[in-house]
Every structure is written in structure tokens, then in C-alpha cells.
Amino acid sequence: MSTDVATELDAVFDALGDPTRRHVLGVVAASGPISATRIAADLPISRQAVAKHLDVLRDGGLVRADRHGRETRFTLTPDPLADAAEWLTTMGRQWDRRLDRLRSIVERPADG
């Protein structure tokens, strides 16, 4: 894995590591272009806190910010999620193979 890909994945997993950010991302995904003010209206945190979470999501490449007049609206960018899912799937397959090898060793009849 190249350093660039690893860095991008680190940013995605950092962004997804917080439950509030995962919730905010879900709101953005479900609502389409949406402002931080609108997201904050349905959460028990301030608009400024939502904006900080959106900054981390944007740093992870998970949302895109577009200006519409005086308002910034956020939209989901799903490609980094697909990249993270692919990485997780690859890691899962590697562990499955390791566990299968271990299982075959453990379940092998003893000589004797």
C-alpha cells in the first residue's frame, strides 16, 4: 500500500472514529446538501461543534463543502468510504486465511 493511500485511509478512519462525526455523516448522506446550521438544529451540540466535526470529515475526504451565497452546504463524497471498505475486506480475507490455516493445524489428527 502506498504512503498516500495509507494517509488517506488514516484520515478516513480518524474521521469515522468519533460517534458524533458518524452521526453527522449519516445526516449529510441522508439529507443531501445541508448546512452546519441545519445539522446542528437536530443535535444537542452547537453549530460551531458541528462545523468542527464537518472539518474533520472534509479532511478525511468524506464530505464536500460548496458555497451557496452566504451558506456552506455539505455533501457526501462516498469514494473514501468505498476505499476503506475495500481495505477492511482485504484485511478480513487475510485473517480468514490465517484462521483457516490455524484451524487445519489444530484439527489435524495427531500421529500415533
N, C-alpha and C. Protein backbone atom coordinates (compact mmCIF):
# COMPACT_ATOMS: atom_id res chain seq x y z
N MET A 1 0.86 -1.17 0.00
CA MET A 1 0.00 0.00 0.00
C MET A 1 0.90 1.23 0.00
N SER A 2 0.59 2.17 -0.87
CA SER A 2 1.41 3.37 -0.95
C SER A 2 1.16 4.27 0.25
N THR A 3 2.12 5.14 0.50
CA THR A 3 2.02 6.08 1.62
C THR A 3 0.83 6.99 1.47
N ASP A 4 0.54 7.42 0.24
CA ASP A 4 -0.61 8.30 0.00
C ASP A 4 -1.92 7.61 0.36
N VAL A 5 -2.06 6.36 -0.05
CA VAL A 5 -3.28 5.61 0.25
C VAL A 5 -3.41 5.40 1.75
N ALA A 6 -2.30 5.05 2.40
CA ALA A 6 -2.33 4.85 3.85
C ALA A 6 -2.71 6.14 4.57
N THR A 7 -2.19 7.26 4.13
CA THR A 7 -2.51 8.55 4.73
C THR A 7 -3.99 8.88 4.54
N GLU A 8 -4.50 8.60 3.35
CA GLU A 8 -5.93 8.84 3.08
C GLU A 8 -6.80 7.95 3.95
N LEU A 9 -6.43 6.69 4.09
CA LEU A 9 -7.20 5.78 4.94
C LEU A 9 -7.13 6.22 6.40
N ASP A 10 -5.96 6.67 6.84
CA ASP A 10 -5.84 7.17 8.22
C ASP A 10 -6.81 8.32 8.46
N ALA A 11 -6.91 9.23 7.50
CA ALA A 11 -7.82 10.37 7.64
C ALA A 11 -9.27 9.91 7.68
N VAL A 12 -9.62 8.92 6.88
CA VAL A 12 -10.99 8.40 6.88
C VAL A 12 -11.30 7.75 8.22
N PHE A 13 -10.40 6.88 8.69
CA PHE A 13 -10.66 6.19 9.95
C PHE A 13 -10.63 7.17 11.13
N ASP A 14 -9.77 8.17 11.08
CA ASP A 14 -9.79 9.21 12.13
C ASP A 14 -11.15 9.90 12.15
N ALA A 15 -11.65 10.24 10.98
CA ALA A 15 -12.94 10.93 10.89
C ALA A 15 -14.07 10.04 11.39
N LEU A 16 -14.02 8.76 11.07
CA LEU A 16 -15.08 7.85 11.46
C LEU A 16 -14.96 7.35 12.90
N GLY A 17 -13.86 7.69 13.55
CA GLY A 17 -13.61 7.20 14.90
C GLY A 17 -14.46 7.84 15.98
N ASP A 18 -15.17 8.88 15.64
CA ASP A 18 -15.99 9.59 16.62
C ASP A 18 -17.48 9.35 16.34
N PRO A 19 -18.26 8.93 17.33
CA PRO A 19 -19.67 8.64 17.08
C PRO A 19 -20.48 9.85 16.61
N THR A 20 -20.14 11.03 17.09
CA THR A 20 -20.86 12.23 16.64
C THR A 20 -20.58 12.48 15.17
N ARG A 21 -19.32 12.31 14.76
CA ARG A 21 -19.00 12.50 13.33
C ARG A 21 -19.70 11.47 12.47
N ARG A 22 -19.77 10.23 12.96
CA ARG A 22 -20.50 9.22 12.18
C ARG A 22 -21.97 9.62 12.05
N HIS A 23 -22.55 10.16 13.11
CA HIS A 23 -23.93 10.61 13.05
C HIS A 23 -24.07 11.78 12.06
N VAL A 24 -23.18 12.74 12.16
CA VAL A 24 -23.21 13.89 11.24
C VAL A 24 -23.07 13.40 9.80
N LEU A 25 -22.18 12.46 9.55
CA LEU A 25 -22.00 11.92 8.21
C LEU A 25 -23.29 11.25 7.73
N GLY A 26 -23.96 10.53 8.61
CA GLY A 26 -25.22 9.91 8.26
C GLY A 26 -26.29 10.94 7.90
N VAL A 27 -26.31 12.05 8.63
CA VAL A 27 -27.26 13.12 8.33
C VAL A 27 -26.96 13.71 6.95
N VAL A 28 -25.69 13.97 6.69
CA VAL A 28 -25.30 14.52 5.38
C VAL A 28 -25.67 13.54 4.28
N ALA A 29 -25.41 12.25 4.49
CA ALA A 29 -25.72 11.24 3.47
C ALA A 29 -27.22 11.17 3.21
N ALA A 30 -28.02 11.27 4.25
CA ALA A 30 -29.47 11.13 4.11
C ALA A 30 -30.15 12.39 3.58
N SER A 31 -29.53 13.55 3.85
CA SER A 31 -30.20 14.82 3.56
C SER A 31 -29.72 15.50 2.30
N GLY A 32 -28.65 15.00 1.71
CA GLY A 32 -28.11 15.71 0.55
C GLY A 32 -27.42 16.98 0.98
N PRO A 33 -27.29 17.95 0.11
CA PRO A 33 -26.62 19.19 0.52
C PRO A 33 -27.32 19.81 1.73
N ILE A 34 -26.55 20.01 2.80
CA ILE A 34 -27.11 20.50 4.06
C ILE A 34 -26.09 21.39 4.77
N SER A 35 -26.57 22.39 5.45
CA SER A 35 -25.69 23.32 6.16
C SER A 35 -25.41 22.82 7.57
N ALA A 36 -24.34 23.33 8.15
CA ALA A 36 -24.00 23.01 9.54
C ALA A 36 -25.10 23.49 10.47
N THR A 37 -25.70 24.61 10.17
CA THR A 37 -26.79 25.14 10.99
C THR A 37 -27.97 24.17 11.01
N ARG A 38 -28.31 23.63 9.86
CA ARG A 38 -29.43 22.68 9.78
C ARG A 38 -29.10 21.38 10.51
N ILE A 39 -27.87 20.91 10.39
CA ILE A 39 -27.46 19.69 11.11
C ILE A 39 -27.53 19.93 12.61
N ALA A 40 -27.03 21.07 13.07
CA ALA A 40 -26.99 21.37 14.50
C ALA A 40 -28.39 21.51 15.09
N ALA A 41 -29.36 21.87 14.27
CA ALA A 41 -30.73 22.04 14.78
C ALA A 41 -31.28 20.75 15.35
N ASP A 42 -30.80 19.61 14.88
CA ASP A 42 -31.29 18.32 15.33
C ASP A 42 -30.35 17.61 16.30
N LEU A 43 -29.32 18.31 16.75
CA LEU A 43 -28.33 17.71 17.66
C LEU A 43 -28.20 18.53 18.94
N PRO A 44 -27.76 17.89 20.01
CA PRO A 44 -27.58 18.62 21.27
C PRO A 44 -26.21 19.30 21.37
N ILE A 45 -25.65 19.68 20.23
CA ILE A 45 -24.36 20.38 20.23
C ILE A 45 -24.51 21.66 19.41
N SER A 46 -23.56 22.55 19.58
CA SER A 46 -23.63 23.86 18.91
C SER A 46 -23.30 23.74 17.42
N ARG A 47 -23.66 24.77 16.69
CA ARG A 47 -23.32 24.84 15.27
C ARG A 47 -21.81 24.83 15.09
N GLN A 48 -21.09 25.51 16.00
CA GLN A 48 -19.62 25.54 15.91
C GLN A 48 -19.03 24.14 16.09
N ALA A 49 -19.61 23.35 17.00
CA ALA A 49 -19.13 21.98 17.20
C ALA A 49 -19.40 21.15 15.95
N VAL A 50 -20.58 21.32 15.37
CA VAL A 50 -20.90 20.60 14.13
C VAL A 50 -19.91 21.01 13.03
N ALA A 51 -19.61 22.30 12.94
CA ALA A 51 -18.67 22.78 11.92
C ALA A 51 -17.29 22.14 12.09
N LYS A 52 -16.85 21.97 13.34
CA LYS A 52 -15.56 21.32 13.58
C LYS A 52 -15.60 19.85 13.15
N HIS A 53 -16.70 19.18 13.45
CA HIS A 53 -16.83 17.79 13.00
C HIS A 53 -16.85 17.71 11.48
N LEU A 54 -17.53 18.64 10.84
CA LEU A 54 -17.55 18.66 9.38
C LEU A 54 -16.17 18.93 8.79
N ASP A 55 -15.37 19.75 9.47
CA ASP A 55 -13.99 19.99 9.01
C ASP A 55 -13.19 18.69 9.02
N VAL A 56 -13.34 17.89 10.07
CA VAL A 56 -12.62 16.61 10.15
C VAL A 56 -13.12 15.66 9.06
N LEU A 57 -14.44 15.64 8.84
CA LEU A 57 -14.99 14.80 7.78
C LEU A 57 -14.48 15.27 6.41
N ARG A 58 -14.37 16.57 6.24
CA ARG A 58 -13.85 17.10 4.96
C ARG A 58 -12.38 16.74 4.82
N ASP A 59 -11.59 16.83 5.90
CA ASP A 59 -10.18 16.44 5.85
C ASP A 59 -10.03 14.97 5.47
N GLY A 60 -11.00 14.15 5.87
CA GLY A 60 -10.99 12.73 5.51
C GLY A 60 -11.54 12.47 4.12
N GLY A 61 -11.97 13.52 3.44
CA GLY A 61 -12.50 13.38 2.10
C GLY A 61 -13.92 12.84 2.05
N LEU A 62 -14.59 12.80 3.20
CA LEU A 62 -15.91 12.18 3.28
C LEU A 62 -17.05 13.13 2.93
N VAL A 63 -16.80 14.43 3.03
CA VAL A 63 -17.81 15.41 2.63
C VAL A 63 -17.14 16.48 1.80
N ARG A 64 -17.96 17.12 0.98
CA ARG A 64 -17.50 18.24 0.16
C ARG A 64 -18.32 19.45 0.60
N ALA A 65 -17.66 20.61 0.67
CA ALA A 65 -18.33 21.85 1.04
C ALA A 65 -18.48 22.73 -0.19
N ASP A 66 -19.69 23.19 -0.41
CA ASP A 66 -19.98 24.09 -1.53
C ASP A 66 -20.67 25.34 -0.99
N ARG A 67 -20.18 26.48 -1.43
CA ARG A 67 -20.80 27.75 -1.03
C ARG A 67 -22.02 28.04 -1.89
N HIS A 68 -23.09 28.45 -1.23
CA HIS A 68 -24.32 28.90 -1.88
C HIS A 68 -24.68 30.22 -1.23
N GLY A 69 -24.25 31.31 -1.85
CA GLY A 69 -24.44 32.62 -1.22
C GLY A 69 -23.62 32.70 0.05
N ARG A 70 -24.27 33.00 1.15
CA ARG A 70 -23.57 33.10 2.44
C ARG A 70 -23.53 31.78 3.18
N GLU A 71 -24.13 30.75 2.62
CA GLU A 71 -24.25 29.47 3.29
C GLU A 71 -23.32 28.44 2.67
N THR A 72 -22.74 27.60 3.51
CA THR A 72 -21.94 26.47 3.04
C THR A 72 -22.77 25.21 3.25
N ARG A 73 -22.90 24.43 2.18
CA ARG A 73 -23.66 23.17 2.26
C ARG A 73 -22.71 22.01 2.04
N PHE A 74 -22.97 20.96 2.77
CA PHE A 74 -22.10 19.79 2.75
C PHE A 74 -22.80 18.61 2.07
N THR A 75 -22.01 17.88 1.27
CA THR A 75 -22.49 16.74 0.51
C THR A 75 -21.55 15.57 0.75
N LEU A 76 -22.11 14.38 0.84
CA LEU A 76 -21.32 13.17 1.00
C LEU A 76 -20.46 12.93 -0.24
N THR A 77 -19.21 12.52 -0.02
CA THR A 77 -18.35 12.03 -1.09
C THR A 77 -18.00 10.58 -0.72
N PRO A 78 -18.66 9.61 -1.34
CA PRO A 78 -18.59 8.23 -0.87
C PRO A 78 -17.32 7.46 -1.24
N ASP A 79 -16.53 7.95 -2.17
CA ASP A 79 -15.36 7.17 -2.61
C ASP A 79 -14.43 6.77 -1.46
N PRO A 80 -14.10 7.68 -0.52
CA PRO A 80 -13.23 7.26 0.58
C PRO A 80 -13.84 6.14 1.43
N LEU A 81 -15.17 6.13 1.57
CA LEU A 81 -15.82 5.04 2.30
C LEU A 81 -15.64 3.72 1.56
N ALA A 82 -15.76 3.76 0.25
CA ALA A 82 -15.56 2.55 -0.56
C ALA A 82 -14.12 2.06 -0.43
N ASP A 83 -13.16 2.99 -0.43
CA ASP A 83 -11.75 2.61 -0.27
C ASP A 83 -11.51 1.96 1.10
N ALA A 84 -12.12 2.54 2.14
CA ALA A 84 -11.97 1.98 3.49
C ALA A 84 -12.61 0.60 3.57
N ALA A 85 -13.79 0.44 2.97
CA ALA A 85 -14.47 -0.85 2.98
C ALA A 85 -13.64 -1.90 2.24
N GLU A 86 -13.03 -1.50 1.13
CA GLU A 86 -12.17 -2.43 0.38
C GLU A 86 -10.97 -2.86 1.22
N TRP A 87 -10.37 -1.92 1.93
CA TRP A 87 -9.24 -2.23 2.78
C TRP A 87 -9.66 -3.20 3.89
N LEU A 88 -10.81 -2.92 4.52
CA LEU A 88 -11.31 -3.80 5.57
C LEU A 88 -11.60 -5.20 5.04
N THR A 89 -12.16 -5.28 3.85
CA THR A 89 -12.45 -6.58 3.23
C THR A 89 -11.16 -7.35 2.98
N THR A 90 -10.15 -6.66 2.47
CA THR A 90 -8.85 -7.29 2.22
C THR A 90 -8.25 -7.80 3.53
N MET A 91 -8.29 -6.99 4.56
CA MET A 91 -7.75 -7.41 5.85
C MET A 91 -8.55 -8.60 6.40
N GLY A 92 -9.85 -8.56 6.23
CA GLY A 92 -10.69 -9.67 6.70
C GLY A 92 -10.35 -10.97 6.00
N ARG A 93 -10.13 -10.90 4.69
CA ARG A 93 -9.76 -12.10 3.94
C ARG A 93 -8.43 -12.66 4.42
N GLN A 94 -7.47 -11.76 4.67
CA GLN A 94 -6.16 -12.22 5.15
C GLN A 94 -6.30 -12.93 6.49
N TRP A 95 -7.09 -12.38 7.40
CA TRP A 95 -7.29 -13.02 8.70
C TRP A 95 -8.06 -14.32 8.56
N ASP A 96 -9.03 -14.37 7.65
CA ASP A 96 -9.76 -15.62 7.43
C ASP A 96 -8.81 -16.72 6.97
N ARG A 97 -7.88 -16.38 6.06
CA ARG A 97 -6.91 -17.37 5.59
C ARG A 97 -6.02 -17.83 6.75
N ARG A 98 -5.57 -16.91 7.57
CA ARG A 98 -4.72 -17.27 8.72
C ARG A 98 -5.48 -18.18 9.69
N LEU A 99 -6.72 -17.83 9.96
CA LEU A 99 -7.52 -18.65 10.87
C LEU A 99 -7.80 -20.02 10.28
N ASP A 100 -8.02 -20.10 8.98
CA ASP A 100 -8.23 -21.39 8.33
C ASP A 100 -6.98 -22.26 8.45
N ARG A 101 -5.80 -21.67 8.26
CA ARG A 101 -4.55 -22.43 8.41
C ARG A 101 -4.39 -22.91 9.85
N LEU A 102 -4.67 -22.05 10.80
CA LEU A 102 -4.56 -22.42 12.21
C LEU A 102 -5.55 -23.54 12.54
N ARG A 103 -6.78 -23.41 12.03
CA ARG A 103 -7.80 -24.42 12.28
C ARG A 103 -7.36 -25.77 11.72
N SER A 104 -6.77 -25.76 10.52
CA SER A 104 -6.34 -27.03 9.92
C SER A 104 -5.22 -27.67 10.74
N ILE A 105 -4.36 -26.87 11.34
CA ILE A 105 -3.29 -27.39 12.19
C ILE A 105 -3.86 -27.96 13.48
N VAL A 106 -4.75 -27.22 14.10
CA VAL A 106 -5.32 -27.63 15.38
C VAL A 106 -6.20 -28.88 15.22
N GLU A 107 -6.93 -28.98 14.12
CA GLU A 107 -7.86 -30.09 13.92
C GLU A 107 -7.21 -31.31 13.27
N ARG A 108 -5.94 -31.21 12.89
CA ARG A 108 -5.23 -32.32 12.26
C ARG A 108 -5.09 -33.46 13.28
N PRO A 109 -5.42 -34.67 12.86
CA PRO A 109 -5.28 -35.80 13.80
C PRO A 109 -3.81 -35.98 14.19
N ALA A 110 -3.64 -36.27 15.43
CA ALA A 110 -2.27 -36.49 15.94
C ALA A 110 -1.77 -37.85 15.44
N ASP A 111 -0.48 -37.88 15.05
CA ASP A 111 0.12 -39.14 14.60
C ASP A 111 0.36 -40.00 15.83
N GLY A 112 0.04 -41.23 15.70
CA GLY A 112 0.44 -42.02 16.74
C GLY A 112 -0.17 -43.06 17.37
